[in-house]
């Protein structure tokens, strides 16, 4: 039974910060590439940040300099630290795990940035 459980979403003002966490179970976590995607109403799902099993990271241009992805293999957890949030960051954020032909997704957590 594969399960990814996200937490940390919420509502903040522009310039604020949030830290998203995703705890995985039912997989050999250390062997999975982990990532965060987001989807706003009327828009395509987009990759926000990713981290490989070896710890290499990549970010969407919109996230560079503001967001940081990290993983803790001992806790089966991937995190997304989001700083300097903007209204354009408002979306449902999804945790994803990928290995070979398999993809797993979390339930999503809402992030709302507004004044």
PDB file of N, CA and C in Angstrom:
ATOM      1  N   UNK A   1       0.839  -1.185   0.000  1.00  0.00           N
ATOM      2  CA  UNK A   1       0.000   0.000   0.000  1.00  0.00           C
ATOM      3  C   UNK A   1       0.881   1.245   0.000  1.00  0.00           C
ATOM      4  N   UNK A   2       0.880   1.951  -1.120  1.00  0.00           N
ATOM      5  CA  UNK A   2       1.672   3.161  -1.275  1.00  0.00           C
ATOM      6  C   UNK A   2       0.847   4.352  -0.815  1.00  0.00           C
ATOM      7  N   UNK A   3       1.458   5.210  -0.032  1.00  0.00           N
ATOM      8  CA  UNK A   3       0.759   6.392   0.446  1.00  0.00           C
ATOM      9  C   UNK A   3       1.732   7.547   0.607  1.00  0.00           C
ATOM     10  N   UNK A   4       1.349   8.702   0.076  1.00  0.00           N
ATOM     11  CA  UNK A   4       2.060   9.951   0.272  1.00  0.00           C
ATOM     12  C   UNK A   4       1.107  10.919   0.940  1.00  0.00           C
ATOM     13  N   UNK A   5       1.508  11.463   2.068  1.00  0.00           N
ATOM     14  CA  UNK A   5       0.644  12.333   2.851  1.00  0.00           C
ATOM     15  C   UNK A   5       1.309  13.689   3.010  1.00  0.00           C
ATOM     16  N   UNK A   6       0.662  14.714   2.478  1.00  0.00           N
ATOM     17  CA  UNK A   6       1.183  16.071   2.531  1.00  0.00           C
ATOM     18  C   UNK A   6       0.606  16.829   3.713  1.00  0.00           C
ATOM     19  N   UNK A   7       1.357  17.816   4.166  1.00  0.00           N
ATOM     20  CA  UNK A   7       0.895  18.714   5.208  1.00  0.00           C
ATOM     21  C   UNK A   7       1.619  20.040   5.066  1.00  0.00           C
ATOM     22  N   UNK A   8       1.107  21.061   5.720  1.00  0.00           N
ATOM     23  CA  UNK A   8       1.767  22.349   5.765  1.00  0.00           C
ATOM     24  C   UNK A   8       1.150  23.434   4.914  1.00  0.00           C
ATOM     25  N   UNK A   9       0.153  23.106   4.113  1.00  0.00           N
ATOM     26  CA  UNK A   9      -0.507  24.118   3.316  1.00  0.00           C
ATOM     27  C   UNK A   9      -1.312  25.060   4.182  1.00  0.00           C
ATOM     28  N   UNK A  10      -1.735  26.158   3.576  1.00  0.00           N
ATOM     29  CA  UNK A  10      -2.515  27.138   4.301  1.00  0.00           C
ATOM     30  C   UNK A  10      -2.619  28.428   3.535  1.00  0.00           C
ATOM     31  N   UNK A  11      -3.028  29.464   4.238  1.00  0.00           N
ATOM     32  CA  UNK A  11      -3.219  30.784   3.663  1.00  0.00           C
ATOM     33  C   UNK A  11      -2.243  31.767   4.288  1.00  0.00           C
ATOM     34  N   UNK A  12      -1.529  32.502   3.440  1.00  0.00           N
ATOM     35  CA  UNK A  12      -0.557  33.486   3.908  1.00  0.00           C
ATOM     36  C   UNK A  12      -0.663  34.750   3.069  1.00  0.00           C
ATOM     37  N   UNK A  13      -0.102  35.825   3.586  1.00  0.00           N
ATOM     38  CA  UNK A  13      -0.023  37.079   2.853  1.00  0.00           C
ATOM     39  C   UNK A  13       1.186  37.086   1.932  1.00  0.00           C
ATOM     40  N   UNK A  14       1.156  37.908   0.889  1.00  0.00           N
ATOM     41  CA  UNK A  14       2.335  38.024   0.037  1.00  0.00           C
ATOM     42  C   UNK A  14       3.583  38.342   0.851  1.00  0.00           C
ATOM     43  N   UNK A  15       4.673  37.682   0.489  1.00  0.00           N
ATOM     44  CA  UNK A  15       5.914  37.824   1.225  1.00  0.00           C
ATOM     45  C   UNK A  15       6.089  36.836   2.352  1.00  0.00           C
ATOM     46  N   UNK A  16       5.051  36.096   2.673  1.00  0.00           N
ATOM     47  CA  UNK A  16       5.110  35.125   3.744  1.00  0.00           C
ATOM     48  C   UNK A  16       5.765  33.827   3.322  1.00  0.00           C
ATOM     49  N   UNK A  17       5.835  32.886   4.270  1.00  0.00           N
ATOM     50  CA  UNK A  17       6.499  31.608   4.048  1.00  0.00           C
ATOM     51  C   UNK A  17       5.619  30.455   4.488  1.00  0.00           C
ATOM     52  N   UNK A  18       5.814  29.324   3.839  1.00  0.00           N
ATOM     53  CA  UNK A  18       5.195  28.068   4.226  1.00  0.00           C
ATOM     54  C   UNK A  18       6.203  26.950   4.013  1.00  0.00           C
ATOM     55  N   UNK A  19       6.046  25.898   4.788  1.00  0.00           N
ATOM     56  CA  UNK A  19       6.873  24.710   4.629  1.00  0.00           C
ATOM     57  C   UNK A  19       5.971  23.501   4.451  1.00  0.00           C
ATOM     58  N   UNK A  20       6.034  22.902   3.276  1.00  0.00           N
ATOM     59  CA  UNK A  20       5.256  21.720   2.977  1.00  0.00           C
ATOM     60  C   UNK A  20       6.074  20.468   3.275  1.00  0.00           C
ATOM     61  N   UNK A  21       5.400  19.457   3.788  1.00  0.00           N
ATOM     62  CA  UNK A  21       6.036  18.178   4.056  1.00  0.00           C
ATOM     63  C   UNK A  21       5.226  17.062   3.426  1.00  0.00           C
ATOM     64  N   UNK A  22       5.915  16.013   3.030  1.00  0.00           N
ATOM     65  CA  UNK A  22       5.286  14.837   2.441  1.00  0.00           C
ATOM     66  C   UNK A  22       5.947  13.611   3.036  1.00  0.00           C
ATOM     67  N   UNK A  23       5.158  12.790   3.700  1.00  0.00           N
ATOM     68  CA  UNK A  23       5.656  11.566   4.321  1.00  0.00           C
ATOM     69  C   UNK A  23       5.195  10.372   3.500  1.00  0.00           C
ATOM     70  N   UNK A  24       6.135   9.529   3.117  1.00  0.00           N
ATOM     71  CA  UNK A  24       5.854   8.387   2.260  1.00  0.00           C
ATOM     72  C   UNK A  24       5.872   7.093   3.044  1.00  0.00           C
ATOM     73  N   UNK A  25       5.028   6.163   2.628  1.00  0.00           N
ATOM     74  CA  UNK A  25       5.030   4.819   3.173  1.00  0.00           C
ATOM     75  C   UNK A  25       4.718   3.835   2.055  1.00  0.00           C
ATOM     76  N   UNK A  26       5.136   2.596   2.229  1.00  0.00           N
ATOM     77  CA  UNK A  26       4.860   1.577   1.236  1.00  0.00           C
ATOM     78  C   UNK A  26       5.825   1.555   0.066  1.00  0.00           C
ATOM     79  N   UNK A  27       6.898   2.328   0.129  1.00  0.00           N
ATOM     80  CA  UNK A  27       7.909   2.346  -0.915  1.00  0.00           C
ATOM     81  C   UNK A  27       9.289   2.337  -0.272  1.00  0.00           C
ATOM     82  N   UNK A  28      10.276   1.957  -1.068  1.00  0.00           N
ATOM     83  CA  UNK A  28      11.657   2.118  -0.632  1.00  0.00           C
ATOM     84  C   UNK A  28      12.051   3.549  -0.949  1.00  0.00           C
ATOM     85  N   UNK A  29      11.814   4.420  -0.001  1.00  0.00           N
ATOM     86  CA  UNK A  29      11.848   5.861  -0.233  1.00  0.00           C
ATOM     87  C   UNK A  29      13.170   6.332  -0.825  1.00  0.00           C
ATOM     88  N   UNK A  30      14.271   5.815  -0.321  1.00  0.00           N
ATOM     89  CA  UNK A  30      15.583   6.298  -0.744  1.00  0.00           C
ATOM     90  C   UNK A  30      15.855   6.055  -2.221  1.00  0.00           C
ATOM     91  N   UNK A  31      15.136   5.166  -2.851  1.00  0.00           N
ATOM     92  CA  UNK A  31      15.336   4.853  -4.258  1.00  0.00           C
ATOM     93  C   UNK A  31      14.447   5.667  -5.190  1.00  0.00           C
ATOM     94  N   UNK A  32      13.577   6.487  -4.632  1.00  0.00           N
ATOM     95  CA  UNK A  32      12.628   7.252  -5.422  1.00  0.00           C
ATOM     96  C   UNK A  32      13.090   8.684  -5.630  1.00  0.00           C
ATOM     97  N   UNK A  33      12.900   9.167  -6.840  1.00  0.00           N
ATOM     98  CA  UNK A  33      12.981  10.597  -7.086  1.00  0.00           C
ATOM     99  C   UNK A  33      11.693  11.237  -6.586  1.00  0.00           C
ATOM    100  N   UNK A  34      11.819  12.309  -5.835  1.00  0.00           N
ATOM    101  CA  UNK A  34      10.671  12.979  -5.256  1.00  0.00           C
ATOM    102  C   UNK A  34      10.537  14.381  -5.834  1.00  0.00           C
ATOM    103  N   UNK A  35       9.310  14.850  -5.913  1.00  0.00           N
ATOM    104  CA  UNK A  35       9.092  16.167  -6.493  1.00  0.00           C
ATOM    105  C   UNK A  35       7.799  16.773  -5.977  1.00  0.00           C
ATOM    106  N   UNK A  36       7.686  18.072  -6.190  1.00  0.00           N
ATOM    107  CA  UNK A  36       6.467  18.812  -5.905  1.00  0.00           C
ATOM    108  C   UNK A  36       5.932  19.413  -7.198  1.00  0.00           C
ATOM    109  N   UNK A  37       4.665  19.191  -7.448  1.00  0.00           N
ATOM    110  CA  UNK A  37       3.942  19.795  -8.548  1.00  0.00           C
ATOM    111  C   UNK A  37       2.854  20.700  -7.988  1.00  0.00           C
ATOM    112  N   UNK A  38       2.363  21.592  -8.831  1.00  0.00           N
ATOM    113  CA  UNK A  38       1.228  22.402  -8.435  1.00  0.00           C
ATOM    114  C   UNK A  38       0.298  22.608  -9.619  1.00  0.00           C
ATOM    115  N   UNK A  39      -0.951  22.862  -9.302  1.00  0.00           N
ATOM    116  CA  UNK A  39      -1.940  23.112 -10.329  1.00  0.00           C
ATOM    117  C   UNK A  39      -2.926  24.163  -9.837  1.00  0.00           C
ATOM    118  N   UNK A  40      -3.021  25.240 -10.589  1.00  0.00           N
ATOM    119  CA  UNK A  40      -3.980  26.287 -10.319  1.00  0.00           C
ATOM    120  C   UNK A  40      -5.192  26.089 -11.224  1.00  0.00           C
ATOM    121  N   UNK A  41      -6.359  26.593 -10.824  1.00  0.00           N
ATOM    122  CA  UNK A  41      -7.551  26.444 -11.656  1.00  0.00           C
ATOM    123  C   UNK A  41      -7.332  26.972 -13.066  1.00  0.00           C
ATOM    124  N   UNK A  42      -7.699  26.163 -14.047  1.00  0.00           N
ATOM    125  CA  UNK A  42      -7.572  26.564 -15.435  1.00  0.00           C
ATOM    126  C   UNK A  42      -6.182  26.465 -16.008  1.00  0.00           C
ATOM    127  N   UNK A  43      -5.230  25.978 -15.237  1.00  0.00           N
ATOM    128  CA  UNK A  43      -3.860  25.859 -15.705  1.00  0.00           C
ATOM    129  C   UNK A  43      -3.401  24.409 -15.676  1.00  0.00           C
ATOM    130  N   UNK A  44      -2.356  24.130 -16.442  1.00  0.00           N
ATOM    131  CA  UNK A  44      -1.769  22.807 -16.455  1.00  0.00           C
ATOM    132  C   UNK A  44      -0.973  22.555 -15.179  1.00  0.00           C
ATOM    133  N   UNK A  45      -0.893  21.294 -14.810  1.00  0.00           N
ATOM    134  CA  UNK A  45      -0.020  20.914 -13.721  1.00  0.00           C
ATOM    135  C   UNK A  45       1.425  21.188 -14.107  1.00  0.00           C
ATOM    136  N   UNK A  46       2.189  21.747 -13.196  1.00  0.00           N
ATOM    137  CA  UNK A  46       3.568  22.077 -13.492  1.00  0.00           C
ATOM    138  C   UNK A  46       4.492  21.600 -12.384  1.00  0.00           C
ATOM    139  N   UNK A  47       5.688  21.240 -12.788  1.00  0.00           N
ATOM    140  CA  UNK A  47       6.716  20.860 -11.838  1.00  0.00           C
ATOM    141  C   UNK A  47       7.258  22.095 -11.143  1.00  0.00           C
ATOM    142  N   UNK A  48       7.298  22.055  -9.831  1.00  0.00           N
ATOM    143  CA  UNK A  48       7.838  23.153  -9.044  1.00  0.00           C
ATOM    144  C   UNK A  48       9.284  22.885  -8.651  1.00  0.00           C
ATOM    145  N   UNK A  49       9.545  21.704  -8.129  1.00  0.00           N
ATOM    146  CA  UNK A  49      10.883  21.340  -7.684  1.00  0.00           C
ATOM    147  C   UNK A  49      11.000  19.832  -7.632  1.00  0.00           C
ATOM    148  N   UNK A  50      12.200  19.325  -7.874  1.00  0.00           N
ATOM    149  CA  UNK A  50      12.452  17.901  -7.810  1.00  0.00           C
ATOM    150  C   UNK A  50      13.780  17.610  -7.156  1.00  0.00           C
ATOM    151  N   UNK A  51      13.881  16.418  -6.583  1.00  0.00           N
ATOM    152  CA  UNK A  51      15.130  15.975  -5.977  1.00  0.00           C
ATOM    153  C   UNK A  51      15.304  14.496  -6.278  1.00  0.00           C
ATOM    154  N   UNK A  52      16.454  14.137  -6.806  1.00  0.00           N
ATOM    155  CA  UNK A  52      16.722  12.764  -7.191  1.00  0.00           C
ATOM    156  C   UNK A  52      17.066  11.921  -5.974  1.00  0.00           C
ATOM    157  N   UNK A  53      17.144  10.603  -6.202  1.00  0.00           N
ATOM    158  CA  UNK A  53      17.550   9.713  -5.124  1.00  0.00           C
ATOM    159  C   UNK A  53      18.956  10.032  -4.632  1.00  0.00           C
ATOM    160  N   UNK A  54      19.776  10.626  -5.497  1.00  0.00           N
ATOM    161  CA  UNK A  54      21.120  11.014  -5.125  1.00  0.00           C
ATOM    162  C   UNK A  54      21.242  12.407  -4.540  1.00  0.00           C
ATOM    163  N   UNK A  55      20.132  13.137  -4.465  1.00  0.00           N
ATOM    164  CA  UNK A  55      20.144  14.453  -3.849  1.00  0.00           C
ATOM    165  C   UNK A  55      20.282  15.619  -4.808  1.00  0.00           C
ATOM    166  N   UNK A  56      20.337  15.365  -6.107  1.00  0.00           N
ATOM    167  CA  UNK A  56      20.377  16.458  -7.065  1.00  0.00           C
ATOM    168  C   UNK A  56      19.014  17.130  -7.154  1.00  0.00           C
ATOM    169  N   UNK A  57      19.005  18.452  -7.248  1.00  0.00           N
ATOM    170  CA  UNK A  57      17.761  19.212  -7.246  1.00  0.00           C
ATOM    171  C   UNK A  57      17.580  19.991  -8.532  1.00  0.00           C
ATOM    172  N   UNK A  58      16.321  20.270  -8.845  1.00  0.00           N
ATOM    173  CA  UNK A  58      15.994  21.141  -9.956  1.00  0.00           C
ATOM    174  C   UNK A  58      14.725  21.903  -9.611  1.00  0.00           C
ATOM    175  N   UNK A  59      14.595  23.111 -10.197  1.00  0.00           N
ATOM    176  CA  UNK A  59      13.494  23.997  -9.866  1.00  0.00           C
ATOM    177  C   UNK A  59      12.913  24.626 -11.117  1.00  0.00           C
ATOM    178  N   UNK A  60      11.632  24.898 -11.064  1.00  0.00           N
ATOM    179  CA  UNK A  60      11.036  25.750 -12.069  1.00  0.00           C
ATOM    180  C   UNK A  60      11.620  27.147 -11.951  1.00  0.00           C
ATOM    181  N   UNK A  61      11.675  27.861 -13.066  1.00  0.00           N
ATOM    182  CA  UNK A  61      12.224  29.215 -13.037  1.00  0.00           C
ATOM    183  C   UNK A  61      11.505  30.094 -12.019  1.00  0.00           C
ATOM    184  N   UNK A  62      10.210  29.915 -11.898  1.00  0.00           N
ATOM    185  CA  UNK A  62       9.429  30.727 -10.980  1.00  0.00           C
ATOM    186  C   UNK A  62       9.756  30.446  -9.518  1.00  0.00           C
ATOM    187  N   UNK A  63      10.363  29.295  -9.247  1.00  0.00           N
ATOM    188  CA  UNK A  63      10.665  28.902  -7.877  1.00  0.00           C
ATOM    189  C   UNK A  63      12.108  29.164  -7.474  1.00  0.00           C
ATOM    190  N   UNK A  64      12.980  29.336  -8.435  1.00  0.00           N
ATOM    191  CA  UNK A  64      14.396  29.509  -8.135  1.00  0.00           C
ATOM    192  C   UNK A  64      14.631  30.731  -7.260  1.00  0.00           C
ATOM    193  N   UNK A  65      15.438  30.534  -6.237  1.00  0.00           N
ATOM    194  CA  UNK A  65      15.761  31.617  -5.323  1.00  0.00           C
ATOM    195  C   UNK A  65      14.755  31.815  -4.215  1.00  0.00           C
ATOM    196  N   UNK A  66      13.596  31.195  -4.313  1.00  0.00           N
ATOM    197  CA  UNK A  66      12.558  31.350  -3.302  1.00  0.00           C
ATOM    198  C   UNK A  66      12.202  30.035  -2.611  1.00  0.00           C
ATOM    199  N   UNK A  67      12.246  28.940  -3.356  1.00  0.00           N
ATOM    200  CA  UNK A  67      11.850  27.634  -2.834  1.00  0.00           C
ATOM    201  C   UNK A  67      13.069  26.737  -2.688  1.00  0.00           C
ATOM    202  N   UNK A  68      13.014  25.844  -1.707  1.00  0.00           N
ATOM    203  CA  UNK A  68      14.072  24.870  -1.496  1.00  0.00           C
ATOM    204  C   UNK A  68      13.453  23.503  -1.228  1.00  0.00           C
ATOM    205  N   UNK A  69      13.861  22.510  -2.002  1.00  0.00           N
ATOM    206  CA  UNK A  69      13.403  21.145  -1.787  1.00  0.00           C
ATOM    207  C   UNK A  69      14.502  20.361  -1.080  1.00  0.00           C
ATOM    208  N   UNK A  70      14.105  19.497  -0.171  1.00  0.00           N
ATOM    209  CA  UNK A  70      15.055  18.668   0.553  1.00  0.00           C
ATOM    210  C   UNK A  70      14.400  17.339   0.899  1.00  0.00           C
ATOM    211  N   UNK A  71      15.221  16.371   1.270  1.00  0.00           N
ATOM    212  CA  UNK A  71      14.680  15.069   1.653  1.00  0.00           C
ATOM    213  C   UNK A  71      15.432  14.524   2.850  1.00  0.00           C
ATOM    214  N   UNK A  72      14.726  13.735   3.632  1.00  0.00           N
ATOM    215  CA  UNK A  72      15.290  13.047   4.780  1.00  0.00           C
ATOM    216  C   UNK A  72      14.919  11.578   4.628  1.00  0.00           C
ATOM    217  N   UNK A  73      15.862  10.785   4.167  1.00  0.00           N
ATOM    218  CA  UNK A  73      15.574   9.381   3.897  1.00  0.00           C
ATOM    219  C   UNK A  73      15.302   8.584   5.171  1.00  0.00           C
ATOM    220  N   UNK A  74      15.845   9.035   6.287  1.00  0.00           N
ATOM    221  CA  UNK A  74      15.590   8.347   7.548  1.00  0.00           C
ATOM    222  C   UNK A  74      14.156   8.533   8.023  1.00  0.00           C
ATOM    223  N   UNK A  75      13.521   9.607   7.589  1.00  0.00           N
ATOM    224  CA  UNK A  75      12.144   9.894   7.970  1.00  0.00           C
ATOM    225  C   UNK A  75      11.165   9.715   6.819  1.00  0.00           C
ATOM    226  N   UNK A  76      11.644   9.254   5.679  1.00  0.00           N
ATOM    227  CA  UNK A  76      10.800   9.071   4.495  1.00  0.00           C
ATOM    228  C   UNK A  76      10.025  10.343   4.170  1.00  0.00           C
ATOM    229  N   UNK A  77      10.711  11.466   4.213  1.00  0.00           N
ATOM    230  CA  UNK A  77      10.056  12.759   4.085  1.00  0.00           C
ATOM    231  C   UNK A  77      10.754  13.635   3.055  1.00  0.00           C
ATOM    232  N   UNK A  78       9.953  14.302   2.244  1.00  0.00           N
ATOM    233  CA  UNK A  78      10.441  15.338   1.350  1.00  0.00           C
ATOM    234  C   UNK A  78       9.753  16.640   1.737  1.00  0.00           C
ATOM    235  N   UNK A  79      10.498  17.737   1.725  1.00  0.00           N
ATOM    236  CA  UNK A  79       9.983  19.023   2.162  1.00  0.00           C
ATOM    237  C   UNK A  79      10.155  20.062   1.069  1.00  0.00           C
ATOM    238  N   UNK A  80       9.308  21.055   1.117  1.00  0.00           N
ATOM    239  CA  UNK A  80       9.417  22.202   0.234  1.00  0.00           C
ATOM    240  C   UNK A  80       9.284  23.461   1.077  1.00  0.00           C
ATOM    241  N   UNK A  81      10.390  24.160   1.249  1.00  0.00           N
ATOM    242  CA  UNK A  81      10.387  25.434   1.949  1.00  0.00           C
ATOM    243  C   UNK A  81      10.093  26.530   0.944  1.00  0.00           C
ATOM    244  N   UNK A  82       9.051  27.294   1.181  1.00  0.00           N
ATOM    245  CA  UNK A  82       8.616  28.333   0.267  1.00  0.00           C
ATOM    246  C   UNK A  82       8.688  29.678   0.971  1.00  0.00           C
ATOM    247  N   UNK A  83       9.511  30.565   0.433  1.00  0.00           N
ATOM    248  CA  UNK A  83       9.676  31.908   0.968  1.00  0.00           C
ATOM    249  C   UNK A  83       9.253  32.935  -0.068  1.00  0.00           C
ATOM    250  N   UNK A  84       9.035  34.151   0.398  1.00  0.00           N
ATOM    251  CA  UNK A  84       8.661  35.259  -0.483  1.00  0.00           C
ATOM    252  C   UNK A  84       7.499  34.884  -1.393  1.00  0.00           C
ATOM    253  N   UNK A  85       6.479  34.315  -0.804  1.00  0.00           N
ATOM    254  CA  UNK A  85       5.346  33.833  -1.584  1.00  0.00           C
ATOM    255  C   UNK A  85       4.594  34.976  -2.251  1.00  0.00           C
ATOM    256  N   UNK A  86       4.088  34.679  -3.430  1.00  0.00           N
ATOM    257  CA  UNK A  86       3.363  35.633  -4.250  1.00  0.00           C
ATOM    258  C   UNK A  86       1.983  35.077  -4.575  1.00  0.00           C
ATOM    259  N   UNK A  87       1.030  35.948  -4.916  1.00  0.00           N
ATOM    260  CA  UNK A  87      -0.296  35.445  -5.287  1.00  0.00           C
ATOM    261  C   UNK A  87      -0.259  34.411  -6.402  1.00  0.00           C
ATOM    262  N   UNK A  88       0.704  34.528  -7.300  1.00  0.00           N
ATOM    263  CA  UNK A  88       0.838  33.581  -8.402  1.00  0.00           C
ATOM    264  C   UNK A  88       1.218  32.178  -7.937  1.00  0.00           C
ATOM    265  N   UNK A  89       1.648  32.044  -6.696  1.00  0.00           N
ATOM    266  CA  UNK A  89       1.966  30.731  -6.146  1.00  0.00           C
ATOM    267  C   UNK A  89       0.726  29.984  -5.667  1.00  0.00           C
ATOM    268  N   UNK A  90      -0.407  30.634  -5.656  1.00  0.00           N
ATOM    269  CA  UNK A  90      -1.642  29.999  -5.210  1.00  0.00           C
ATOM    270  C   UNK A  90      -1.990  28.812  -6.099  1.00  0.00           C
ATOM    271  N   UNK A  91      -2.141  27.645  -5.499  1.00  0.00           N
ATOM    272  CA  UNK A  91      -2.410  26.418  -6.237  1.00  0.00           C
ATOM    273  C   UNK A  91      -2.571  25.271  -5.252  1.00  0.00           C
ATOM    274  N   UNK A  92      -2.990  24.136  -5.774  1.00  0.00           N
ATOM    275  CA  UNK A  92      -2.928  22.892  -5.025  1.00  0.00           C
ATOM    276  C   UNK A  92      -1.570  22.263  -5.307  1.00  0.00           C
ATOM    277  N   UNK A  93      -0.853  21.942  -4.256  1.00  0.00           N
ATOM    278  CA  UNK A  93       0.480  21.373  -4.374  1.00  0.00           C
ATOM    279  C   UNK A  93       0.429  19.874  -4.114  1.00  0.00           C
ATOM    280  N   UNK A  94       1.065  19.108  -4.999  1.00  0.00           N
ATOM    281  CA  UNK A  94       1.048  17.655  -4.935  1.00  0.00           C
ATOM    282  C   UNK A  94       2.453  17.101  -4.775  1.00  0.00           C
ATOM    283  N   UNK A  95       2.584  16.124  -3.918  1.00  0.00           N
ATOM    284  CA  UNK A  95       3.820  15.381  -3.751  1.00  0.00           C
ATOM    285  C   UNK A  95       3.827  14.200  -4.710  1.00  0.00           C
ATOM    286  N   UNK A  96       4.964  13.967  -5.358  1.00  0.00           N
ATOM    287  CA  UNK A  96       5.099  12.877  -6.319  1.00  0.00           C
ATOM    288  C   UNK A  96       6.356  12.071  -6.038  1.00  0.00           C
ATOM    289  N   UNK A  97       6.232  10.761  -6.149  1.00  0.00           N
ATOM    290  CA  UNK A  97       7.372   9.867  -6.073  1.00  0.00           C
ATOM    291  C   UNK A  97       7.453   9.024  -7.330  1.00  0.00           C
ATOM    292  N   UNK A  98       8.655   8.883  -7.866  1.00  0.00           N
ATOM    293  CA  UNK A  98       8.820   8.177  -9.138  1.00  0.00           C
ATOM    294  C   UNK A  98      10.036   7.266  -9.108  1.00  0.00           C
ATOM    295  N   UNK A  99       9.827   6.044  -9.588  1.00  0.00           N
ATOM    296  CA  UNK A  99      10.918   5.095  -9.762  1.00  0.00           C
ATOM    297  C   UNK A  99      10.556   4.139 -10.882  1.00  0.00           C
ATOM    298  N   UNK A 100      11.415   4.048 -11.871  1.00  0.00           N
ATOM    299  CA  UNK A 100      11.184   3.195 -13.029  1.00  0.00           C
ATOM    300  C   UNK A 100       9.835   3.543 -13.658  1.00  0.00           C
ATOM    301  N   UNK A 101       8.926   2.580 -13.730  1.00  0.00           N
ATOM    302  CA  UNK A 101       7.634   2.796 -14.363  1.00  0.00           C
ATOM    303  C   UNK A 101       6.536   3.214 -13.390  1.00  0.00           C
ATOM    304  N   UNK A 102       6.883   3.455 -12.153  1.00  0.00           N
ATOM    305  CA  UNK A 102       5.875   3.694 -11.134  1.00  0.00           C
ATOM    306  C   UNK A 102       5.851   5.146 -10.690  1.00  0.00           C
ATOM    307  N   UNK A 103       4.647   5.672 -10.566  1.00  0.00           N
ATOM    308  CA  UNK A 103       4.397   7.010 -10.047  1.00  0.00           C
ATOM    309  C   UNK A 103       3.403   6.929  -8.904  1.00  0.00           C
ATOM    310  N   UNK A 104       3.665   7.688  -7.866  1.00  0.00           N
ATOM    311  CA  UNK A 104       2.750   7.793  -6.742  1.00  0.00           C
ATOM    312  C   UNK A 104       2.490   9.261  -6.456  1.00  0.00           C
ATOM    313  N   UNK A 105       1.267   9.572  -6.043  1.00  0.00           N
ATOM    314  CA  UNK A 105       0.851  10.948  -5.808  1.00  0.00           C
ATOM    315  C   UNK A 105       0.182  11.098  -4.459  1.00  0.00           C
ATOM    316  N   UNK A 106       0.411  12.233  -3.846  1.00  0.00           N
ATOM    317  CA  UNK A 106      -0.308  12.585  -2.641  1.00  0.00           C
ATOM    318  C   UNK A 106      -1.677  13.146  -2.967  1.00  0.00           C
ATOM    319  N   UNK A 107      -2.414  13.482  -1.934  1.00  0.00           N
ATOM    320  CA  UNK A 107      -3.777  13.968  -2.100  1.00  0.00           C
ATOM    321  C   UNK A 107      -3.847  15.444  -2.469  1.00  0.00           C
ATOM    322  N   UNK A 108      -2.773  16.158  -2.280  1.00  0.00           N
ATOM    323  CA  UNK A 108      -2.725  17.580  -2.557  1.00  0.00           C
ATOM    324  C   UNK A 108      -3.007  18.417  -1.328  1.00  0.00           C
ATOM    325  N   UNK A 109      -2.375  19.572  -1.270  1.00  0.00           N
ATOM    326  CA  UNK A 109      -2.610  20.511  -0.187  1.00  0.00           C
ATOM    327  C   UNK A 109      -2.711  21.917  -0.766  1.00  0.00           C
ATOM    328  N   UNK A 110      -3.687  22.669  -0.297  1.00  0.00           N
ATOM    329  CA  UNK A 110      -3.973  23.990  -0.849  1.00  0.00           C
ATOM    330  C   UNK A 110      -3.038  25.038  -0.265  1.00  0.00           C
ATOM    331  N   UNK A 111      -2.455  25.834  -1.146  1.00  0.00           N
ATOM    332  CA  UNK A 111      -1.668  26.998  -0.760  1.00  0.00           C
ATOM    333  C   UNK A 111      -2.339  28.227  -1.352  1.00  0.00           C
ATOM    334  N   UNK A 112      -2.678  29.172  -0.496  1.00  0.00           N
ATOM    335  CA  UNK A 112      -3.333  30.399  -0.931  1.00  0.00           C
ATOM    336  C   UNK A 112      -2.528  31.594  -0.452  1.00  0.00           C
ATOM    337  N   UNK A 113      -2.159  32.461  -1.383  1.00  0.00           N
ATOM    338  CA  UNK A 113      -1.393  33.662  -1.076  1.00  0.00           C
ATOM    339  C   UNK A 113      -2.228  34.863  -1.504  1.00  0.00           C
ATOM    340  N   UNK A 114      -2.676  35.624  -0.535  1.00  0.00           N
ATOM    341  CA  UNK A 114      -3.527  36.767  -0.833  1.00  0.00           C
ATOM    342  C   UNK A 114      -3.435  37.788   0.281  1.00  0.00           C
ATOM    343  N   UNK A 115      -3.779  39.014  -0.050  1.00  0.00           N
ATOM    344  CA  UNK A 115      -3.796  40.082   0.929  1.00  0.00           C
ATOM    345  C   UNK A 115      -5.205  40.363   1.429  1.00  0.00           C
TER     346      UNK A 115
END
